[in-house]
Amino acid sequence: MELNLLYYLVPGTVMMFCGVYGFFTRRSLLAVLLSVELMLNAVNINFAVFNRFLFPDALEGHFFSLFGIAISAAETAVAIAIMINVYRNLNGINTDDIRKLKG
């Protein structure tokens, strides 16, 4: 049984919109980071799906997905390091508190 393209794109779209909603509505830096990760995972799903349906013998979409996962891991490590420093200075990691660091 062949699955339709829609079965893959709907969860990716839902993930993307959940990430965008979380990015714009959350106040915690950790929740914002999780929302960005959700958006990046939705993009990786779309890379793999479009590669499978448009170019089934090629692997470019899968390589882009792996590259996106590597970028996501590096971004997470840097973001968590920044959050730790913000917490040490302000005893909280809300986005409103970041303005206090301007000095």
PDB file of N, CA and C in Angstrom:
ATOM      1  N   MET A   1       0.830  -1.172   0.000  1.00  0.00           N
ATOM      2  CA  MET A   1       0.000   0.000   0.000  1.00  0.00           C
ATOM      3  C   MET A   1       0.885   1.249   0.000  1.00  0.00           C
ATOM      4  N   GLU A   2       0.708   2.076  -0.984  1.00  0.00           N
ATOM      5  CA  GLU A   2       1.494   3.301  -1.127  1.00  0.00           C
ATOM      6  C   GLU A   2       0.845   4.435  -0.327  1.00  0.00           C
ATOM      7  N   LEU A   3       1.632   5.081   0.501  1.00  0.00           N
ATOM      8  CA  LEU A   3       1.106   6.195   1.288  1.00  0.00           C
ATOM      9  C   LEU A   3       1.143   7.470   0.463  1.00  0.00           C
ATOM     10  N   ASN A   4       0.153   8.271   0.645  1.00  0.00           N
ATOM     11  CA  ASN A   4       0.033   9.525  -0.065  1.00  0.00           C
ATOM     12  C   ASN A   4       0.978  10.566   0.543  1.00  0.00           C
ATOM     13  N   LEU A   5       1.345  11.553  -0.246  1.00  0.00           N
ATOM     14  CA  LEU A   5       2.214  12.634   0.216  1.00  0.00           C
ATOM     15  C   LEU A   5       1.572  13.405   1.360  1.00  0.00           C
ATOM     16  N   LEU A   6       0.274  13.494   1.349  1.00  0.00           N
ATOM     17  CA  LEU A   6      -0.452  14.243   2.365  1.00  0.00           C
ATOM     18  C   LEU A   6      -0.275  13.653   3.766  1.00  0.00           C
ATOM     19  N   TYR A   7      -0.112  12.332   3.844  1.00  0.00           N
ATOM     20  CA  TYR A   7       0.071  11.687   5.144  1.00  0.00           C
ATOM     21  C   TYR A   7       1.370  12.110   5.818  1.00  0.00           C
ATOM     22  N   TYR A   8       2.332  12.565   5.049  1.00  0.00           N
ATOM     23  CA  TYR A   8       3.601  13.037   5.609  1.00  0.00           C
ATOM     24  C   TYR A   8       3.608  14.541   5.814  1.00  0.00           C
ATOM     25  N   LEU A   9       2.948  15.274   4.933  1.00  0.00           N
ATOM     26  CA  LEU A   9       3.009  16.723   5.005  1.00  0.00           C
ATOM     27  C   LEU A   9       2.125  17.306   6.101  1.00  0.00           C
ATOM     28  N   VAL A  10       1.031  16.657   6.426  1.00  0.00           N
ATOM     29  CA  VAL A  10       0.148  17.183   7.470  1.00  0.00           C
ATOM     30  C   VAL A  10       0.838  17.186   8.840  1.00  0.00           C
ATOM     31  N   PRO A  11       1.484  16.106   9.278  1.00  0.00           N
ATOM     32  CA  PRO A  11       2.188  16.191  10.573  1.00  0.00           C
ATOM     33  C   PRO A  11       3.340  17.204  10.555  1.00  0.00           C
ATOM     34  N   GLY A  12       4.048  17.308   9.425  1.00  0.00           N
ATOM     35  CA  GLY A  12       5.104  18.302   9.328  1.00  0.00           C
ATOM     36  C   GLY A  12       4.565  19.719   9.427  1.00  0.00           C
ATOM     37  N   THR A  13       3.416  19.969   8.809  1.00  0.00           N
ATOM     38  CA  THR A  13       2.800  21.292   8.880  1.00  0.00           C
ATOM     39  C   THR A  13       2.298  21.595  10.285  1.00  0.00           C
ATOM     40  N   VAL A  14       1.706  20.610  10.925  1.00  0.00           N
ATOM     41  CA  VAL A  14       1.238  20.800  12.296  1.00  0.00           C
ATOM     42  C   VAL A  14       2.418  21.087  13.226  1.00  0.00           C
ATOM     43  N   MET A  15       3.514  20.356  13.038  1.00  0.00           N
ATOM     44  CA  MET A  15       4.713  20.602  13.850  1.00  0.00           C
ATOM     45  C   MET A  15       5.245  22.012  13.624  1.00  0.00           C
ATOM     46  N   MET A  16       5.267  22.451  12.368  1.00  0.00           N
ATOM     47  CA  MET A  16       5.777  23.784  12.060  1.00  0.00           C
ATOM     48  C   MET A  16       4.924  24.867  12.712  1.00  0.00           C
ATOM     49  N   PHE A  17       3.605  24.754  12.603  1.00  0.00           N
ATOM     50  CA  PHE A  17       2.749  25.775  13.187  1.00  0.00           C
ATOM     51  C   PHE A  17       2.753  25.729  14.716  1.00  0.00           C
ATOM     52  N   CYS A  18       2.907  24.556  15.299  1.00  0.00           N
ATOM     53  CA  CYS A  18       3.058  24.480  16.760  1.00  0.00           C
ATOM     54  C   CYS A  18       4.348  25.162  17.203  1.00  0.00           C
ATOM     55  N   GLY A  19       5.411  24.977  16.433  1.00  0.00           N
ATOM     56  CA  GLY A  19       6.676  25.637  16.745  1.00  0.00           C
ATOM     57  C   GLY A  19       6.595  27.140  16.608  1.00  0.00           C
ATOM     58  N   VAL A  20       5.945  27.624  15.557  1.00  0.00           N
ATOM     59  CA  VAL A  20       5.800  29.071  15.368  1.00  0.00           C
ATOM     60  C   VAL A  20       4.947  29.668  16.497  1.00  0.00           C
ATOM     61  N   TYR A  21       3.857  28.988  16.825  1.00  0.00           N
ATOM     62  CA  TYR A  21       2.996  29.464  17.908  1.00  0.00           C
ATOM     63  C   TYR A  21       3.766  29.509  19.227  1.00  0.00           C
ATOM     64  N   GLY A  22       4.511  28.452  19.523  1.00  0.00           N
ATOM     65  CA  GLY A  22       5.285  28.425  20.758  1.00  0.00           C
ATOM     66  C   GLY A  22       6.375  29.475  20.785  1.00  0.00           C
ATOM     67  N   PHE A  23       6.968  29.747  19.641  1.00  0.00           N
ATOM     68  CA  PHE A  23       8.037  30.740  19.577  1.00  0.00           C
ATOM     69  C   PHE A  23       7.515  32.136  19.896  1.00  0.00           C
ATOM     70  N   PHE A  24       6.331  32.451  19.406  1.00  0.00           N
ATOM     71  CA  PHE A  24       5.796  33.795  19.603  1.00  0.00           C
ATOM     72  C   PHE A  24       5.022  33.973  20.903  1.00  0.00           C
ATOM     73  N   THR A  25       4.624  32.905  21.558  1.00  0.00           N
ATOM     74  CA  THR A  25       3.794  33.060  22.749  1.00  0.00           C
ATOM     75  C   THR A  25       4.485  32.704  24.054  1.00  0.00           C
ATOM     76  N   ARG A  26       5.546  31.956  24.044  1.00  0.00           N
ATOM     77  CA  ARG A  26       6.186  31.523  25.288  1.00  0.00           C
ATOM     78  C   ARG A  26       7.126  32.595  25.820  1.00  0.00           C
ATOM     79  N   ARG A  27       7.266  32.617  27.127  1.00  0.00           N
ATOM     80  CA  ARG A  27       8.132  33.603  27.762  1.00  0.00           C
ATOM     81  C   ARG A  27       9.429  32.982  28.267  1.00  0.00           C
ATOM     82  N   SER A  28       9.483  31.697  28.427  1.00  0.00           N
ATOM     83  CA  SER A  28      10.677  31.023  28.903  1.00  0.00           C
ATOM     84  C   SER A  28      11.618  30.754  27.730  1.00  0.00           C
ATOM     85  N   LEU A  29      12.905  30.995  27.937  1.00  0.00           N
ATOM     86  CA  LEU A  29      13.874  30.740  26.876  1.00  0.00           C
ATOM     87  C   LEU A  29      13.945  29.265  26.510  1.00  0.00           C
ATOM     88  N   LEU A  30      13.723  28.397  27.486  1.00  0.00           N
ATOM     89  CA  LEU A  30      13.743  26.964  27.207  1.00  0.00           C
ATOM     90  C   LEU A  30      12.567  26.566  26.314  1.00  0.00           C
ATOM     91  N   ALA A  31      11.390  27.129  26.547  1.00  0.00           N
ATOM     92  CA  ALA A  31      10.239  26.847  25.696  1.00  0.00           C
ATOM     93  C   ALA A  31      10.448  27.394  24.287  1.00  0.00           C
ATOM     94  N   VAL A  32      11.087  28.548  24.179  1.00  0.00           N
ATOM     95  CA  VAL A  32      11.395  29.111  22.860  1.00  0.00           C
ATOM     96  C   VAL A  32      12.370  28.202  22.132  1.00  0.00           C
ATOM     97  N   LEU A  33      13.371  27.686  22.836  1.00  0.00           N
ATOM     98  CA  LEU A  33      14.324  26.759  22.226  1.00  0.00           C
ATOM     99  C   LEU A  33      13.629  25.491  21.748  1.00  0.00           C
ATOM    100  N   LEU A  34      12.728  24.950  22.545  1.00  0.00           N
ATOM    101  CA  LEU A  34      11.987  23.760  22.125  1.00  0.00           C
ATOM    102  C   LEU A  34      11.110  24.044  20.907  1.00  0.00           C
ATOM    103  N   SER A  35      10.567  25.228  20.827  1.00  0.00           N
ATOM    104  CA  SER A  35       9.764  25.598  19.661  1.00  0.00           C
ATOM    105  C   SER A  35      10.616  25.687  18.406  1.00  0.00           C
ATOM    106  N   VAL A  36      11.811  26.227  18.523  1.00  0.00           N
ATOM    107  CA  VAL A  36      12.723  26.288  17.375  1.00  0.00           C
ATOM    108  C   VAL A  36      13.129  24.883  16.944  1.00  0.00           C
ATOM    109  N   GLU A  37      13.362  24.010  17.899  1.00  0.00           N
ATOM    110  CA  GLU A  37      13.704  22.625  17.571  1.00  0.00           C
ATOM    111  C   GLU A  37      12.543  21.928  16.868  1.00  0.00           C
ATOM    112  N   LEU A  38      11.337  22.219  17.277  1.00  0.00           N
ATOM    113  CA  LEU A  38      10.159  21.651  16.631  1.00  0.00           C
ATOM    114  C   LEU A  38      10.059  22.107  15.180  1.00  0.00           C
ATOM    115  N   MET A  39      10.345  23.378  14.938  1.00  0.00           N
ATOM    116  CA  MET A  39      10.317  23.887  13.564  1.00  0.00           C
ATOM    117  C   MET A  39      11.407  23.253  12.711  1.00  0.00           C
ATOM    118  N   LEU A  40      12.601  23.081  13.283  1.00  0.00           N
ATOM    119  CA  LEU A  40      13.689  22.450  12.529  1.00  0.00           C
ATOM    120  C   LEU A  40      13.377  20.990  12.206  1.00  0.00           C
ATOM    121  N   ASN A  41      12.736  20.286  13.113  1.00  0.00           N
ATOM    122  CA  ASN A  41      12.351  18.902  12.841  1.00  0.00           C
ATOM    123  C   ASN A  41      11.281  18.821  11.764  1.00  0.00           C
ATOM    124  N   ALA A  42      10.373  19.788  11.720  1.00  0.00           N
ATOM    125  CA  ALA A  42       9.375  19.817  10.658  1.00  0.00           C
ATOM    126  C   ALA A  42      10.035  20.030   9.302  1.00  0.00           C
ATOM    127  N   VAL A  43      11.037  20.868   9.254  1.00  0.00           N
ATOM    128  CA  VAL A  43      11.778  21.085   8.003  1.00  0.00           C
ATOM    129  C   VAL A  43      12.501  19.816   7.587  1.00  0.00           C
ATOM    130  N   ASN A  44      13.096  19.108   8.527  1.00  0.00           N
ATOM    131  CA  ASN A  44      13.796  17.861   8.200  1.00  0.00           C
ATOM    132  C   ASN A  44      12.838  16.803   7.660  1.00  0.00           C
ATOM    133  N   ILE A  45      11.633  16.738   8.218  1.00  0.00           N
ATOM    134  CA  ILE A  45      10.625  15.818   7.693  1.00  0.00           C
ATOM    135  C   ILE A  45      10.291  16.169   6.252  1.00  0.00           C
ATOM    136  N   ASN A  46      10.110  17.468   5.980  1.00  0.00           N
ATOM    137  CA  ASN A  46       9.784  17.885   4.619  1.00  0.00           C
ATOM    138  C   ASN A  46      10.916  17.593   3.638  1.00  0.00           C
ATOM    139  N   PHE A  47      12.161  17.764   4.058  1.00  0.00           N
ATOM    140  CA  PHE A  47      13.293  17.409   3.193  1.00  0.00           C
ATOM    141  C   PHE A  47      13.236  15.939   2.796  1.00  0.00           C
ATOM    142  N   ALA A  48      13.039  15.080   3.779  1.00  0.00           N
ATOM    143  CA  ALA A  48      13.022  13.647   3.500  1.00  0.00           C
ATOM    144  C   ALA A  48      11.808  13.247   2.659  1.00  0.00           C
ATOM    145  N   VAL A  49      10.662  13.839   2.923  1.00  0.00           N
ATOM    146  CA  VAL A  49       9.443  13.481   2.195  1.00  0.00           C
ATOM    147  C   VAL A  49       9.524  13.924   0.742  1.00  0.00           C
ATOM    148  N   PHE A  50       9.934  15.157   0.504  1.00  0.00           N
ATOM    149  CA  PHE A  50      10.021  15.632  -0.872  1.00  0.00           C
ATOM    150  C   PHE A  50      11.106  14.895  -1.642  1.00  0.00           C
ATOM    151  N   ASN A  51      12.172  14.498  -0.966  1.00  0.00           N
ATOM    152  CA  ASN A  51      13.182  13.699  -1.634  1.00  0.00           C
ATOM    153  C   ASN A  51      12.610  12.351  -2.049  1.00  0.00           C
ATOM    154  N   ARG A  52      11.823  11.743  -1.186  1.00  0.00           N
ATOM    155  CA  ARG A  52      11.262  10.418  -1.486  1.00  0.00           C
ATOM    156  C   ARG A  52      10.271  10.462  -2.641  1.00  0.00           C
ATOM    157  N   PHE A  53       9.440  11.502  -2.673  1.00  0.00           N
ATOM    158  CA  PHE A  53       8.398  11.546  -3.686  1.00  0.00           C
ATOM    159  C   PHE A  53       8.849  12.180  -4.994  1.00  0.00           C
ATOM    160  N   LEU A  54       9.785  13.113  -4.970  1.00  0.00           N
ATOM    161  CA  LEU A  54      10.226  13.765  -6.202  1.00  0.00           C
ATOM    162  C   LEU A  54      11.409  13.064  -6.851  1.00  0.00           C
ATOM    163  N   PHE A  55      12.378  12.659  -6.023  1.00  0.00           N
ATOM    164  CA  PHE A  55      13.585  12.004  -6.531  1.00  0.00           C
ATOM    165  C   PHE A  55      13.859  10.745  -5.712  1.00  0.00           C
ATOM    166  N   PRO A  56      13.153   9.648  -5.982  1.00  0.00           N
ATOM    167  CA  PRO A  56      13.269   8.471  -5.109  1.00  0.00           C
ATOM    168  C   PRO A  56      14.639   7.801  -5.119  1.00  0.00           C
ATOM    169  N   ASP A  57      15.410   7.990  -6.179  1.00  0.00           N
ATOM    170  CA  ASP A  57      16.725   7.341  -6.236  1.00  0.00           C
ATOM    171  C   ASP A  57      17.838   8.212  -5.681  1.00  0.00           C
ATOM    172  N   ALA A  58      17.576   9.487  -5.434  1.00  0.00           N
ATOM    173  CA  ALA A  58      18.590  10.407  -4.938  1.00  0.00           C
ATOM    174  C   ALA A  58      18.545  10.470  -3.408  1.00  0.00           C
ATOM    175  N   LEU A  59      19.635  10.979  -2.846  1.00  0.00           N
ATOM    176  CA  LEU A  59      19.728  11.067  -1.383  1.00  0.00           C
ATOM    177  C   LEU A  59      19.952  12.484  -0.885  1.00  0.00           C
ATOM    178  N   GLU A  60      19.741  13.496  -1.738  1.00  0.00           N
ATOM    179  CA  GLU A  60      20.026  14.866  -1.319  1.00  0.00           C
ATOM    180  C   GLU A  60      19.150  15.311  -0.153  1.00  0.00           C
ATOM    181  N   GLY A  61      17.891  14.960  -0.184  1.00  0.00           N
ATOM    182  CA  GLY A  61      16.995  15.346   0.909  1.00  0.00           C
ATOM    183  C   GLY A  61      17.403  14.739   2.236  1.00  0.00           C
ATOM    184  N   HIS A  62      17.882  13.512   2.192  1.00  0.00           N
ATOM    185  CA  HIS A  62      18.335  12.857   3.420  1.00  0.00           C
ATOM    186  C   HIS A  62      19.621  13.495   3.932  1.00  0.00           C
ATOM    187  N   PHE A  63      20.510  13.886   3.020  1.00  0.00           N
ATOM    188  CA  PHE A  63      21.734  14.569   3.446  1.00  0.00           C
ATOM    189  C   PHE A  63      21.414  15.939   4.037  1.00  0.00           C
ATOM    190  N   PHE A  64      20.457  16.649   3.444  1.00  0.00           N
ATOM    191  CA  PHE A  64      20.035  17.917   4.023  1.00  0.00           C
ATOM    192  C   PHE A  64      19.425  17.705   5.402  1.00  0.00           C
ATOM    193  N   SER A  65      18.682  16.635   5.582  1.00  0.00           N
ATOM    194  CA  SER A  65      18.110  16.335   6.895  1.00  0.00           C
ATOM    195  C   SER A  65      19.193  16.055   7.924  1.00  0.00           C
ATOM    196  N   LEU A  66      20.193  15.290   7.550  1.00  0.00           N
ATOM    197  CA  LEU A  66      21.300  15.016   8.469  1.00  0.00           C
ATOM    198  C   LEU A  66      22.075  16.289   8.795  1.00  0.00           C
ATOM    199  N   PHE A  67      22.275  17.138   7.804  1.00  0.00           N
ATOM    200  CA  PHE A  67      22.941  18.410   8.038  1.00  0.00           C
ATOM    201  C   PHE A  67      22.095  19.278   8.968  1.00  0.00           C
ATOM    202  N   GLY A  68      20.784  19.278   8.776  1.00  0.00           N
ATOM    203  CA  GLY A  68      19.890  20.025   9.654  1.00  0.00           C
ATOM    204  C   GLY A  68      19.924  19.515  11.079  1.00  0.00           C
ATOM    205  N   ILE A  69      20.037  18.205  11.260  1.00  0.00           N
ATOM    206  CA  ILE A  69      20.148  17.634  12.606  1.00  0.00           C
ATOM    207  C   ILE A  69      21.448  18.068  13.270  1.00  0.00           C
ATOM    208  N   ALA A  70      22.535  18.106  12.512  1.00  0.00           N
ATOM    209  CA  ALA A  70      23.820  18.549  13.064  1.00  0.00           C
ATOM    210  C   ALA A  70      23.764  20.024  13.454  1.00  0.00           C
ATOM    211  N   ILE A  71      23.164  20.847  12.610  1.00  0.00           N
ATOM    212  CA  ILE A  71      23.014  22.269  12.929  1.00  0.00           C
ATOM    213  C   ILE A  71      22.138  22.437  14.168  1.00  0.00           C
ATOM    214  N   SER A  72      21.097  21.646  14.264  1.00  0.00           N
ATOM    215  CA  SER A  72      20.195  21.712  15.404  1.00  0.00           C
ATOM    216  C   SER A  72      20.910  21.345  16.703  1.00  0.00           C
ATOM    217  N   ALA A  73      21.756  20.344  16.655  1.00  0.00           N
ATOM    218  CA  ALA A  73      22.502  19.943  17.853  1.00  0.00           C
ATOM    219  C   ALA A  73      23.472  21.039  18.285  1.00  0.00           C
ATOM    220  N   ALA A  74      24.150  21.657  17.332  1.00  0.00           N
ATOM    221  CA  ALA A  74      25.074  22.743  17.663  1.00  0.00           C
ATOM    222  C   ALA A  74      24.330  23.954  18.216  1.00  0.00           C
ATOM    223  N   GLU A  75      23.201  24.262  17.615  1.00  0.00           N
ATOM    224  CA  GLU A  75      22.392  25.391  18.079  1.00  0.00           C
ATOM    225  C   GLU A  75      21.873  25.141  19.485  1.00  0.00           C
ATOM    226  N   THR A  76      21.494  23.928  19.786  1.00  0.00           N
ATOM    227  CA  THR A  76      21.010  23.596  21.126  1.00  0.00           C
ATOM    228  C   THR A  76      22.114  23.746  22.169  1.00  0.00           C
ATOM    229  N   ALA A  77      23.304  23.296  21.841  1.00  0.00           N
ATOM    230  CA  ALA A  77      24.416  23.406  22.794  1.00  0.00           C
ATOM    231  C   ALA A  77      24.742  24.865  23.092  1.00  0.00           C
ATOM    232  N   VAL A  78      24.773  25.702  22.072  1.00  0.00           N
ATOM    233  CA  VAL A  78      25.060  27.119  22.279  1.00  0.00           C
ATOM    234  C   VAL A  78      23.924  27.794  23.053  1.00  0.00           C
ATOM    235  N   ALA A  79      22.686  27.468  22.713  1.00  0.00           N
ATOM    236  CA  ALA A  79      21.543  28.087  23.386  1.00  0.00           C
ATOM    237  C   ALA A  79      21.483  27.699  24.857  1.00  0.00           C
ATOM    238  N   ILE A  80      21.785  26.463  25.179  1.00  0.00           N
ATOM    239  CA  ILE A  80      21.767  26.043  26.582  1.00  0.00           C
ATOM    240  C   ILE A  80      22.892  26.720  27.359  1.00  0.00           C
ATOM    241  N   ALA A  81      24.046  26.911  26.736  1.00  0.00           N
ATOM    242  CA  ALA A  81      25.133  27.640  27.390  1.00  0.00           C
ATOM    243  C   ALA A  81      24.730  29.089  27.660  1.00  0.00           C
ATOM    244  N   ILE A  82      24.056  29.713  26.718  1.00  0.00           N
ATOM    245  CA  ILE A  82      23.578  31.081  26.923  1.00  0.00           C
ATOM    246  C   ILE A  82      22.539  31.114  28.038  1.00  0.00           C
ATOM    247  N   MET A  83      21.637  30.137  28.066  1.00  0.00           N
ATOM    248  CA  MET A  83      20.615  30.100  29.118  1.00  0.00           C
ATOM    249  C   MET A  83      21.238  29.926  30.503  1.00  0.00           C
ATOM    250  N   ILE A  84      22.276  29.125  30.598  1.00  0.00           N
ATOM    251  CA  ILE A  84      22.948  28.943  31.890  1.00  0.00           C
ATOM    252  C   ILE A  84      23.565  30.252  32.357  1.00  0.00           C
ATOM    253  N   ASN A  85      24.195  30.998  31.444  1.00  0.00           N
ATOM    254  CA  ASN A  85      24.777  32.285  31.824  1.00  0.00           C
ATOM    255  C   ASN A  85      23.716  33.308  32.191  1.00  0.00           C
ATOM    256  N   VAL A  86      22.602  33.312  31.481  1.00  0.00           N
ATOM    257  CA  VAL A  86      21.509  34.226  31.825  1.00  0.00           C
ATOM    258  C   VAL A  86      20.959  33.868  33.195  1.00  0.00           C
ATOM    259  N   TYR A  87      20.796  32.599  33.479  1.00  0.00           N
ATOM    260  CA  TYR A  87      20.278  32.183  34.784  1.00  0.00           C
ATOM    261  C   TYR A  87      21.232  32.570  35.907  1.00  0.00           C
ATOM    262  N   ARG A  88      22.520  32.440  35.673  1.00  0.00           N
ATOM    263  CA  ARG A  88      23.490  32.816  36.711  1.00  0.00           C
ATOM    264  C   ARG A  88      23.451  34.312  37.009  1.00  0.00           C
ATOM    265  N   ASN A  89      23.202  35.128  35.997  1.00  0.00           N
ATOM    266  CA  ASN A  89      23.185  36.576  36.198  1.00  0.00           C
ATOM    267  C   ASN A  89      21.855  37.099  36.719  1.00  0.00           C
ATOM    268  N   LEU A  90      20.740  36.496  36.307  1.00  0.00           N
ATOM    269  CA  LEU A  90      19.427  37.045  36.616  1.00  0.00           C
ATOM    270  C   LEU A  90      18.549  36.143  37.470  1.00  0.00           C
ATOM    271  N   ASN A  91      18.969  34.923  37.753  1.00  0.00           N
ATOM    272  CA  ASN A  91      18.191  33.933  38.507  1.00  0.00           C
ATOM    273  C   ASN A  91      16.842  33.648  37.850  1.00  0.00           C
ATOM    274  N   GLY A  92      16.803  33.630  36.543  1.00  0.00           N
ATOM    275  CA  GLY A  92      15.601  33.310  35.787  1.00  0.00           C
ATOM    276  C   GLY A  92      15.943  33.292  34.306  1.00  0.00           C
ATOM    277  N   ILE A  93      15.097  32.622  33.509  1.00  0.00           N
ATOM    278  CA  ILE A  93      15.385  32.553  32.076  1.00  0.00           C
ATOM    279  C   ILE A  93      14.196  32.999  31.245  1.00  0.00           C
ATOM    280  N   ASN A  94      13.487  34.025  31.722  1.00  0.00           N
ATOM    281  CA  ASN A  94      12.387  34.573  30.943  1.00  0.00           C
ATOM    282  C   ASN A  94      12.905  35.537  29.885  1.00  0.00           C
ATOM    283  N   THR A  95      12.178  35.648  28.802  1.00  0.00           N
ATOM    284  CA  THR A  95      12.619  36.537  27.718  1.00  0.00           C
ATOM    285  C   THR A  95      12.528  38.000  28.137  1.00  0.00           C
ATOM    286  N   ASP A  96      11.646  38.347  29.060  1.00  0.00           N
ATOM    287  CA  ASP A  96      11.547  39.726  29.511  1.00  0.00           C
ATOM    288  C   ASP A  96      12.772  40.142  30.316  1.00  0.00           C
ATOM    289  N   ASP A  97      13.418  39.193  30.965  1.00  0.00           N
ATOM    290  CA  ASP A  97      14.587  39.508  31.793  1.00  0.00           C
ATOM    291  C   ASP A  97      15.833  39.795  30.968  1.00  0.00           C
ATOM    292  N   ILE A  98      15.835  39.422  29.706  1.00  0.00           N
ATOM    293  CA  ILE A  98      17.022  39.608  28.870  1.00  0.00           C
ATOM    294  C   ILE A  98      17.319  41.090  28.687  1.00  0.00           C
ATOM    295  N   ARG A  99      16.310  41.932  28.716  1.00  0.00           N
ATOM    296  CA  ARG A  99      16.514  43.373  28.548  1.00  0.00           C
ATOM    297  C   ARG A  99      17.350  43.969  29.684  1.00  0.00           C
ATOM    298  N   LYS A 100      17.345  43.325  30.836  1.00  0.00           N
ATOM    299  CA  LYS A 100      18.136  43.800  31.965  1.00  0.00           C
ATOM    300  C   LYS A 100      19.635  43.626  31.734  1.00  0.00           C
ATOM    301  N   LEU A 101      20.023  42.770  30.807  1.00  0.00           N
ATOM    302  CA  LEU A 101      21.435  42.513  30.547  1.00  0.00           C
ATOM    303  C   LEU A 101      22.079  43.604  29.693  1.00  0.00           C
ATOM    304  N   LYS A 102      21.282  44.475  29.077  1.00  0.00           N
ATOM    305  CA  LYS A 102      21.844  45.525  28.223  1.00  0.00           C
ATOM    306  C   LYS A 102      22.728  46.477  29.003  1.00  0.00           C
ATOM    307  N   GLY A 103      22.415  46.746  30.192  1.00  0.00           N
ATOM    308  CA  GLY A 103      23.268  47.482  31.068  1.00  0.00           C
ATOM    309  C   GLY A 103      23.067  48.908  31.135  1.00  0.00           C
TER     310      GLY A 103
END
